[in-house]
Amino acid sequence: MSSTHPSATSEVASLAAHVKWATCPDRTAATAAARASFAARWERQVDPDGTLDPAIRAERAAEAKRAHFAELALKSADVRRAKAAARKAAGNAA
């Protein structure tokens, strides 16, 4: 697998991911570090100096995470509405 074409690279990576998950005995353990890092991101965002009480930091981190995903949902809905409007306009123009 020495191909350097970008699509081949993506296909090889996809194949490797499928092989990994097909042979992984404990998916939860395999992704534990990534999940911990993802959670720590929100805590660093709301308390970069690490001075808040851990309970307060955790609650603020949870709110930051909820805000982030609410923003993504809003952007997604906006894009879907715009695409629907464009399809409708294209249908009326024909």
N, C-alpha and C. Protein backbone atom coordinates (compact mmCIF):
# COMPACT_ATOMS: atom_id res chain seq x y z
N MET A 1 0.83 -1.18 0.00
CA MET A 1 0.00 0.00 0.00
C MET A 1 0.87 1.24 0.00
N SER A 2 1.58 1.43 -1.08
CA SER A 2 2.49 2.56 -1.15
C SER A 2 1.92 3.70 -1.98
N SER A 3 0.64 3.66 -2.33
CA SER A 3 0.03 4.71 -3.11
C SER A 3 0.01 6.00 -2.31
N THR A 4 0.28 7.12 -2.98
CA THR A 4 0.28 8.40 -2.29
C THR A 4 -0.86 9.30 -2.76
N HIS A 5 -1.76 8.76 -3.56
CA HIS A 5 -2.90 9.54 -4.01
C HIS A 5 -3.79 9.83 -2.79
N PRO A 6 -4.29 11.08 -2.66
CA PRO A 6 -5.08 11.43 -1.47
C PRO A 6 -6.27 10.50 -1.22
N SER A 7 -7.00 10.12 -2.26
CA SER A 7 -8.15 9.25 -2.03
C SER A 7 -7.69 7.87 -1.56
N ALA A 8 -6.55 7.40 -2.06
CA ALA A 8 -6.03 6.11 -1.62
C ALA A 8 -5.62 6.18 -0.15
N THR A 9 -5.04 7.29 0.24
CA THR A 9 -4.66 7.47 1.64
C THR A 9 -5.88 7.41 2.53
N SER A 10 -6.96 8.06 2.12
CA SER A 10 -8.19 8.05 2.88
C SER A 10 -8.78 6.65 2.96
N GLU A 11 -8.72 5.93 1.85
CA GLU A 11 -9.25 4.56 1.82
C GLU A 11 -8.44 3.64 2.71
N VAL A 12 -7.13 3.80 2.72
CA VAL A 12 -6.27 2.98 3.58
C VAL A 12 -6.57 3.29 5.05
N ALA A 13 -6.74 4.56 5.37
CA ALA A 13 -7.06 4.94 6.74
C ALA A 13 -8.40 4.37 7.17
N SER A 14 -9.37 4.42 6.27
CA SER A 14 -10.68 3.86 6.56
C SER A 14 -10.59 2.35 6.79
N LEU A 15 -9.84 1.69 5.95
CA LEU A 15 -9.63 0.24 6.11
C LEU A 15 -9.00 -0.06 7.47
N ALA A 16 -7.98 0.70 7.83
CA ALA A 16 -7.31 0.49 9.11
C ALA A 16 -8.28 0.69 10.27
N ALA A 17 -9.14 1.69 10.18
CA ALA A 17 -10.13 1.93 11.24
C ALA A 17 -11.09 0.76 11.36
N HIS A 18 -11.54 0.25 10.22
CA HIS A 18 -12.46 -0.90 10.26
C HIS A 18 -11.79 -2.12 10.89
N VAL A 19 -10.54 -2.35 10.53
CA VAL A 19 -9.81 -3.49 11.10
C VAL A 19 -9.64 -3.31 12.60
N LYS A 20 -9.28 -2.09 13.03
CA LYS A 20 -9.09 -1.83 14.45
C LYS A 20 -10.37 -2.13 15.23
N TRP A 21 -11.51 -1.59 14.76
CA TRP A 21 -12.74 -1.76 15.51
C TRP A 21 -13.28 -3.19 15.41
N ALA A 22 -12.94 -3.89 14.35
CA ALA A 22 -13.38 -5.28 14.22
C ALA A 22 -12.64 -6.18 15.20
N THR A 23 -11.43 -5.79 15.57
CA THR A 23 -10.61 -6.64 16.43
C THR A 23 -10.45 -6.09 17.85
N CYS A 24 -11.07 -4.96 18.14
CA CYS A 24 -10.92 -4.31 19.45
C CYS A 24 -11.79 -5.01 20.50
N PRO A 25 -11.18 -5.54 21.55
CA PRO A 25 -11.96 -6.26 22.55
C PRO A 25 -12.77 -5.33 23.47
N ASP A 26 -12.32 -4.08 23.66
CA ASP A 26 -13.00 -3.17 24.58
C ASP A 26 -12.98 -1.76 24.00
N ARG A 27 -14.02 -1.39 23.28
CA ARG A 27 -14.08 -0.08 22.64
C ARG A 27 -14.06 1.05 23.66
N THR A 28 -14.71 0.85 24.78
CA THR A 28 -14.76 1.89 25.80
C THR A 28 -13.35 2.21 26.30
N ALA A 29 -12.57 1.18 26.58
CA ALA A 29 -11.20 1.39 27.04
C ALA A 29 -10.34 2.02 25.94
N ALA A 30 -10.59 1.62 24.69
CA ALA A 30 -9.79 2.13 23.58
C ALA A 30 -10.00 3.62 23.35
N THR A 31 -11.18 4.13 23.73
CA THR A 31 -11.48 5.55 23.50
C THR A 31 -11.46 6.38 24.78
N ALA A 32 -11.06 5.78 25.88
CA ALA A 32 -11.08 6.48 27.17
C ALA A 32 -10.21 7.74 27.17
N ALA A 33 -9.02 7.66 26.63
CA ALA A 33 -8.12 8.81 26.62
C ALA A 33 -8.70 9.95 25.78
N ALA A 34 -9.29 9.61 24.65
CA ALA A 34 -9.89 10.64 23.79
C ALA A 34 -11.06 11.31 24.48
N ARG A 35 -11.90 10.53 25.16
CA ARG A 35 -13.04 11.10 25.87
C ARG A 35 -12.58 11.99 27.02
N ALA A 36 -11.54 11.58 27.71
CA ALA A 36 -11.02 12.40 28.82
C ALA A 36 -10.44 13.71 28.29
N SER A 37 -9.75 13.64 27.19
CA SER A 37 -9.19 14.85 26.57
C SER A 37 -10.29 15.79 26.11
N PHE A 38 -11.35 15.23 25.54
CA PHE A 38 -12.48 16.03 25.07
C PHE A 38 -13.15 16.73 26.26
N ALA A 39 -13.31 16.03 27.36
CA ALA A 39 -13.92 16.63 28.55
C ALA A 39 -13.02 17.72 29.13
N ALA A 40 -11.72 17.49 29.14
CA ALA A 40 -10.78 18.46 29.69
C ALA A 40 -10.75 19.74 28.86
N ARG A 41 -11.05 19.63 27.58
CA ARG A 41 -11.08 20.81 26.71
C ARG A 41 -12.06 21.85 27.25
N TRP A 42 -13.24 21.40 27.65
CA TRP A 42 -14.25 22.33 28.14
C TRP A 42 -13.83 22.94 29.47
N GLU A 43 -13.19 22.15 30.31
CA GLU A 43 -12.72 22.69 31.59
C GLU A 43 -11.63 23.73 31.39
N ARG A 44 -10.72 23.48 30.45
CA ARG A 44 -9.68 24.48 30.15
C ARG A 44 -10.29 25.75 29.58
N GLN A 45 -11.35 25.60 28.80
CA GLN A 45 -11.99 26.75 28.18
C GLN A 45 -12.61 27.67 29.24
N VAL A 46 -13.27 27.10 30.23
CA VAL A 46 -13.97 27.92 31.23
C VAL A 46 -13.08 28.30 32.41
N ASP A 47 -11.98 27.59 32.59
CA ASP A 47 -11.10 27.87 33.73
C ASP A 47 -9.64 27.62 33.32
N PRO A 48 -9.10 28.48 32.44
CA PRO A 48 -7.75 28.24 31.93
C PRO A 48 -6.66 28.23 33.01
N ASP A 49 -6.88 28.95 34.12
CA ASP A 49 -5.87 28.99 35.18
C ASP A 49 -6.07 27.90 36.22
N GLY A 50 -7.19 27.17 36.15
CA GLY A 50 -7.45 26.10 37.11
C GLY A 50 -7.71 26.59 38.51
N THR A 51 -8.35 27.77 38.65
CA THR A 51 -8.56 28.36 39.97
C THR A 51 -9.96 28.11 40.54
N LEU A 52 -10.88 27.67 39.70
CA LEU A 52 -12.25 27.47 40.18
C LEU A 52 -12.37 26.19 41.01
N ASP A 53 -13.39 26.17 41.86
CA ASP A 53 -13.74 24.97 42.59
C ASP A 53 -14.09 23.89 41.55
N PRO A 54 -13.64 22.65 41.74
CA PRO A 54 -13.89 21.60 40.74
C PRO A 54 -15.36 21.41 40.38
N ALA A 55 -16.26 21.54 41.34
CA ALA A 55 -17.69 21.37 41.05
C ALA A 55 -18.20 22.50 40.15
N ILE A 56 -17.77 23.72 40.44
CA ILE A 56 -18.17 24.87 39.62
C ILE A 56 -17.57 24.75 38.22
N ARG A 57 -16.30 24.35 38.16
CA ARG A 57 -15.63 24.18 36.86
C ARG A 57 -16.37 23.14 36.03
N ALA A 58 -16.77 22.04 36.65
CA ALA A 58 -17.48 20.97 35.93
C ALA A 58 -18.81 21.47 35.40
N GLU A 59 -19.56 22.24 36.21
CA GLU A 59 -20.85 22.77 35.76
C GLU A 59 -20.67 23.76 34.62
N ARG A 60 -19.69 24.64 34.74
CA ARG A 60 -19.43 25.60 33.66
C ARG A 60 -18.97 24.89 32.39
N ALA A 61 -18.17 23.86 32.55
CA ALA A 61 -17.71 23.09 31.40
C ALA A 61 -18.89 22.42 30.70
N ALA A 62 -19.81 21.89 31.48
CA ALA A 62 -21.00 21.26 30.90
C ALA A 62 -21.83 22.29 30.13
N GLU A 63 -21.95 23.50 30.67
CA GLU A 63 -22.69 24.56 29.98
C GLU A 63 -21.98 24.98 28.69
N ALA A 64 -20.67 25.07 28.74
CA ALA A 64 -19.90 25.43 27.53
C ALA A 64 -20.08 24.38 26.45
N LYS A 65 -20.08 23.13 26.84
CA LYS A 65 -20.29 22.04 25.89
C LYS A 65 -21.69 22.11 25.30
N ARG A 66 -22.70 22.33 26.16
CA ARG A 66 -24.07 22.45 25.65
C ARG A 66 -24.20 23.63 24.70
N ALA A 67 -23.58 24.75 25.04
CA ALA A 67 -23.63 25.93 24.17
C ALA A 67 -22.99 25.64 22.82
N HIS A 68 -21.87 24.95 22.84
CA HIS A 68 -21.17 24.62 21.59
C HIS A 68 -22.05 23.78 20.68
N PHE A 69 -22.66 22.73 21.24
CA PHE A 69 -23.48 21.86 20.41
C PHE A 69 -24.79 22.53 19.99
N ALA A 70 -25.32 23.42 20.82
CA ALA A 70 -26.51 24.19 20.41
C ALA A 70 -26.16 25.11 19.24
N GLU A 71 -24.97 25.70 19.27
CA GLU A 71 -24.53 26.55 18.17
C GLU A 71 -24.37 25.73 16.89
N LEU A 72 -23.79 24.54 17.00
CA LEU A 72 -23.66 23.67 15.82
C LEU A 72 -25.03 23.30 15.26
N ALA A 73 -25.99 23.01 16.14
CA ALA A 73 -27.34 22.66 15.69
C ALA A 73 -27.99 23.82 14.98
N LEU A 74 -27.81 25.02 15.50
CA LEU A 74 -28.37 26.22 14.87
C LEU A 74 -27.78 26.44 13.49
N LYS A 75 -26.46 26.31 13.38
CA LYS A 75 -25.80 26.47 12.08
C LYS A 75 -26.28 25.41 11.09
N SER A 76 -26.43 24.19 11.55
CA SER A 76 -26.90 23.10 10.70
C SER A 76 -28.31 23.38 10.19
N ALA A 77 -29.17 23.85 11.09
CA ALA A 77 -30.55 24.16 10.70
C ALA A 77 -30.56 25.29 9.68
N ASP A 78 -29.72 26.31 9.88
CA ASP A 78 -29.64 27.42 8.93
C ASP A 78 -29.23 26.92 7.55
N VAL A 79 -28.26 26.04 7.49
CA VAL A 79 -27.80 25.50 6.21
C VAL A 79 -28.91 24.68 5.55
N ARG A 80 -29.59 23.86 6.34
CA ARG A 80 -30.69 23.06 5.77
C ARG A 80 -31.80 23.95 5.23
N ARG A 81 -32.13 25.01 5.96
CA ARG A 81 -33.17 25.95 5.49
C ARG A 81 -32.74 26.63 4.20
N ALA A 82 -31.48 27.04 4.14
CA ALA A 82 -30.98 27.70 2.93
C ALA A 82 -31.00 26.75 1.74
N LYS A 83 -30.61 25.51 1.94
CA LYS A 83 -30.64 24.52 0.85
C LYS A 83 -32.07 24.25 0.40
N ALA A 84 -33.00 24.16 1.34
CA ALA A 84 -34.40 23.92 0.98
C ALA A 84 -34.94 25.10 0.19
N ALA A 85 -34.59 26.31 0.60
CA ALA A 85 -35.05 27.50 -0.12
C ALA A 85 -34.46 27.54 -1.53
N ALA A 86 -33.20 27.15 -1.66
CA ALA A 86 -32.56 27.13 -2.98
C ALA A 86 -33.21 26.09 -3.88
N ARG A 87 -33.52 24.92 -3.32
CA ARG A 87 -34.21 23.88 -4.11
C ARG A 87 -35.58 24.36 -4.55
N LYS A 88 -36.29 25.02 -3.65
CA LYS A 88 -37.62 25.53 -3.96
C LYS A 88 -37.55 26.59 -5.05
N ALA A 89 -36.56 27.49 -4.93
CA ALA A 89 -36.38 28.54 -5.94
C ALA A 89 -36.02 27.94 -7.29
N ALA A 90 -35.16 26.92 -7.28
CA ALA A 90 -34.77 26.27 -8.52
C ALA A 90 -35.96 25.55 -9.17
N GLY A 91 -36.84 24.99 -8.35
CA GLY A 91 -38.02 24.30 -8.86
C GLY A 91 -39.01 25.29 -9.44
N ASN A 92 -39.11 26.47 -8.86
CA ASN A 92 -40.04 27.50 -9.36
C ASN A 92 -39.51 28.15 -10.62
N ALA A 93 -38.19 28.17 -10.79
CA ALA A 93 -37.57 28.82 -11.95
C ALA A 93 -37.70 27.95 -13.19
N ALA A 94 -37.84 26.65 -13.01
CA ALA A 94 -37.87 25.73 -14.16
C ALA A 94 -39.18 25.69 -14.85
